[in-house]
Protein backbone atom coordinates (compact mmCIF):
# COMPACT_ATOMS: atom_id res chain seq x y z
CA MET A 1 21.17 26.48 -29.47
CA SER A 2 20.98 26.53 -25.66
CA PRO A 3 21.09 23.26 -23.71
CA VAL A 4 17.57 23.85 -22.41
CA HIS A 5 16.21 24.47 -25.91
CA ASP A 6 18.10 21.43 -27.21
CA GLU A 7 16.62 19.34 -24.39
CA ARG A 8 13.13 20.50 -25.26
CA THR A 9 13.65 19.60 -28.93
CA ARG A 10 14.99 16.15 -28.02
CA ILE A 11 12.16 15.54 -25.57
CA LYS A 12 9.50 16.49 -28.13
CA ALA A 13 11.08 14.21 -30.75
CA ALA A 14 11.34 11.37 -28.21
CA MET A 15 7.71 11.94 -27.24
CA ASP A 16 6.65 11.56 -30.88
CA ARG A 17 8.68 8.35 -31.27
CA ILE A 18 7.29 6.74 -28.11
CA ILE A 19 3.69 7.76 -28.85
CA GLY A 20 4.19 6.53 -32.42
CA GLY A 21 5.40 3.17 -31.14
CA GLN A 22 8.88 3.55 -32.65
CA PRO A 23 11.30 4.08 -29.75
CA GLU A 24 15.00 4.08 -30.59
CA ASN A 25 16.73 4.52 -27.23
CA SER A 26 14.27 3.15 -24.66
CA ASN A 27 11.85 0.31 -24.05
CA GLY A 28 8.98 2.48 -25.30
CA ALA A 29 7.04 2.35 -22.04
CA LEU A 30 4.60 5.17 -21.45
CA THR A 31 6.64 6.53 -18.54
CA ILE A 32 8.72 9.61 -17.83
CA VAL A 33 11.73 7.35 -17.27
CA ALA A 34 11.37 5.89 -20.77
CA LEU A 35 10.79 9.35 -22.24
CA ALA A 36 13.93 10.69 -20.57
CA ALA A 37 15.96 7.72 -21.79
CA GLU A 38 14.55 8.12 -25.29
CA ALA A 39 15.45 11.82 -25.30
CA GLY A 40 18.87 11.25 -23.72
CA VAL A 41 18.16 13.61 -20.84
CA PRO A 42 18.13 13.03 -17.08
CA ARG A 43 14.72 12.26 -15.60
CA ASN A 44 14.79 15.44 -13.52
CA ALA A 45 14.85 17.42 -16.77
CA LEU A 46 11.22 16.38 -17.12
CA THR A 47 10.23 16.50 -13.48
CA GLN A 48 11.87 19.84 -12.69
CA ARG A 49 12.85 21.89 -15.76
CA HIS A 50 10.27 20.82 -18.34
CA VAL A 51 7.20 19.95 -16.31
CA ASP A 52 5.03 21.27 -19.13
CA LEU A 53 6.46 18.65 -21.50
CA LYS A 54 5.93 15.91 -18.92
CA ASN A 55 2.29 16.96 -18.60
CA LEU A 56 1.95 17.16 -22.38
CA PHE A 57 3.31 13.61 -22.67
CA TYR A 58 0.74 12.31 -20.19
CA GLU A 59 -2.02 14.21 -22.00
CA LYS A 60 -1.01 12.60 -25.30
CA VAL A 61 -0.93 9.17 -23.69
CA ARG A 62 -4.43 9.67 -22.28
CA SER A 63 -5.75 11.02 -25.59
CA LEU A 64 -4.76 7.68 -27.16
CA GLY A 65 -6.99 5.97 -24.63
CA GLU A 66 -3.95 4.60 -22.84
CA ILE A 67 -3.23 4.84 -19.15
CA PRO A 68 0.31 5.92 -18.27
CA ASP A 69 2.34 3.18 -16.60
CA SER A 70 2.80 5.29 -13.48
CA GLU A 71 -0.96 5.59 -13.13
CA ARG A 72 -1.38 1.82 -13.64
CA ARG A 73 1.14 1.16 -10.89
CA LEU A 74 -0.66 3.59 -8.58
CA ARG A 75 -4.02 1.97 -9.32
CA ARG A 76 -2.60 -1.48 -8.53
CA GLU A 77 -1.10 -0.12 -5.32
CA VAL A 78 -4.43 1.47 -4.33
CA SER A 79 -6.20 -1.86 -4.96
CA ARG A 80 -3.59 -3.71 -2.90
CA LEU A 81 -3.92 -1.21 -0.05
CA LYS A 82 -7.72 -1.47 -0.12
CA ARG A 83 -7.44 -5.27 0.19
CA LEU A 84 -5.01 -4.88 3.08
CA ARG A 85 -7.33 -2.39 4.76
CA LYS A 86 -10.25 -4.81 4.40
CA ASP A 87 -8.13 -7.67 5.80
CA ASP A 88 -6.99 -5.48 8.68
CA ALA A 89 -10.58 -4.49 9.47
CA GLU A 90 -11.56 -8.16 9.60
CA GLU A 91 -8.60 -8.96 11.84
CA ILE A 92 -9.48 -6.07 14.16
CA ARG A 93 -13.09 -7.29 14.34
CA GLN A 94 -11.87 -10.80 15.24
CA LEU A 95 -9.43 -9.47 17.84
CA ARG A 96 -12.18 -7.42 19.46
CA ALA A 97 -14.42 -10.48 19.63
CA ASP A 98 -11.55 -12.52 21.10
CA ASN A 99 -10.88 -9.77 23.61
CA GLU A 100 -14.51 -9.77 24.74
CA ALA A 101 -14.41 -13.56 25.14
CA LEU A 102 -11.19 -13.36 27.17
CA ILE A 103 -12.64 -10.64 29.38
CA GLY A 104 -15.67 -12.86 30.01
CA ALA A 105 -13.45 -15.84 30.86
CA LEU A 106 -11.36 -13.69 33.21
CA HIS A 107 -14.49 -12.39 34.93
CA LEU A 108 -15.78 -15.96 35.37
CA ALA A 109 -12.42 -17.08 36.80
CA GLN A 110 -12.48 -14.16 39.24
CA LEU A 111 -15.99 -15.11 40.39
CA GLU A 112 -14.98 -18.76 40.86
CA ASN A 113 -11.86 -17.68 42.74
CA GLU A 114 -13.95 -15.51 45.08
CA GLU A 115 -16.35 -18.42 45.62
CA PHE A 116 -13.45 -20.74 46.49
CA ARG A 117 -12.08 -18.16 48.92
CA GLN A 118 -15.48 -17.96 50.64
CA GLN A 119 -15.68 -21.75 50.89
CA LEU A 120 -12.19 -21.84 52.36
CA ALA A 121 -13.09 -19.16 54.91
CA GLU A 122 -16.28 -21.02 55.88
CA ALA A 123 -14.37 -24.26 56.34
CA ARG A 124 -12.24 -22.41 58.92
CA GLY A 125 -9.01 -23.75 57.63
CA LYS A 126 -10.04 -27.42 57.61
CA VAL A 127 -8.44 -29.36 54.80
CA HIS A 128 -10.28 -32.31 53.31
CA VAL A 129 -8.22 -35.06 51.73
CA ILE A 130 -9.51 -36.28 48.42
CA ALA A 131 -8.76 -39.92 47.80
CA ARG A 132 -6.85 -40.84 44.66
CA ARG A 133 -8.47 -43.19 42.23
């Protein structure tokens, strides 16, 4: 029996044990990592040499009404990223509003500065002392 054929046989048997809820060599998770451990093969045997068996495993998992663990993790990650995107959008909105307020304050300060310069020019350099209280 060739190593590839032996791997395929071990993977199919491991698949049946995991789907049947009776793992012997793994934690029984519905993942390719657990399937590889159960079959005693490296993970890349499923991701590179026996992609058809990997896909078959996921099909069997879905036919049971289960969601593969990898898909669950991806769904959680998508939800987390959507929350982050929403939070970022709110922060960007707030920063834009703050920016507009700062631009308005800067414009007002520039106008007041120009007004003070005109008053100084009209006073022709005279300095008025303001008494302390």
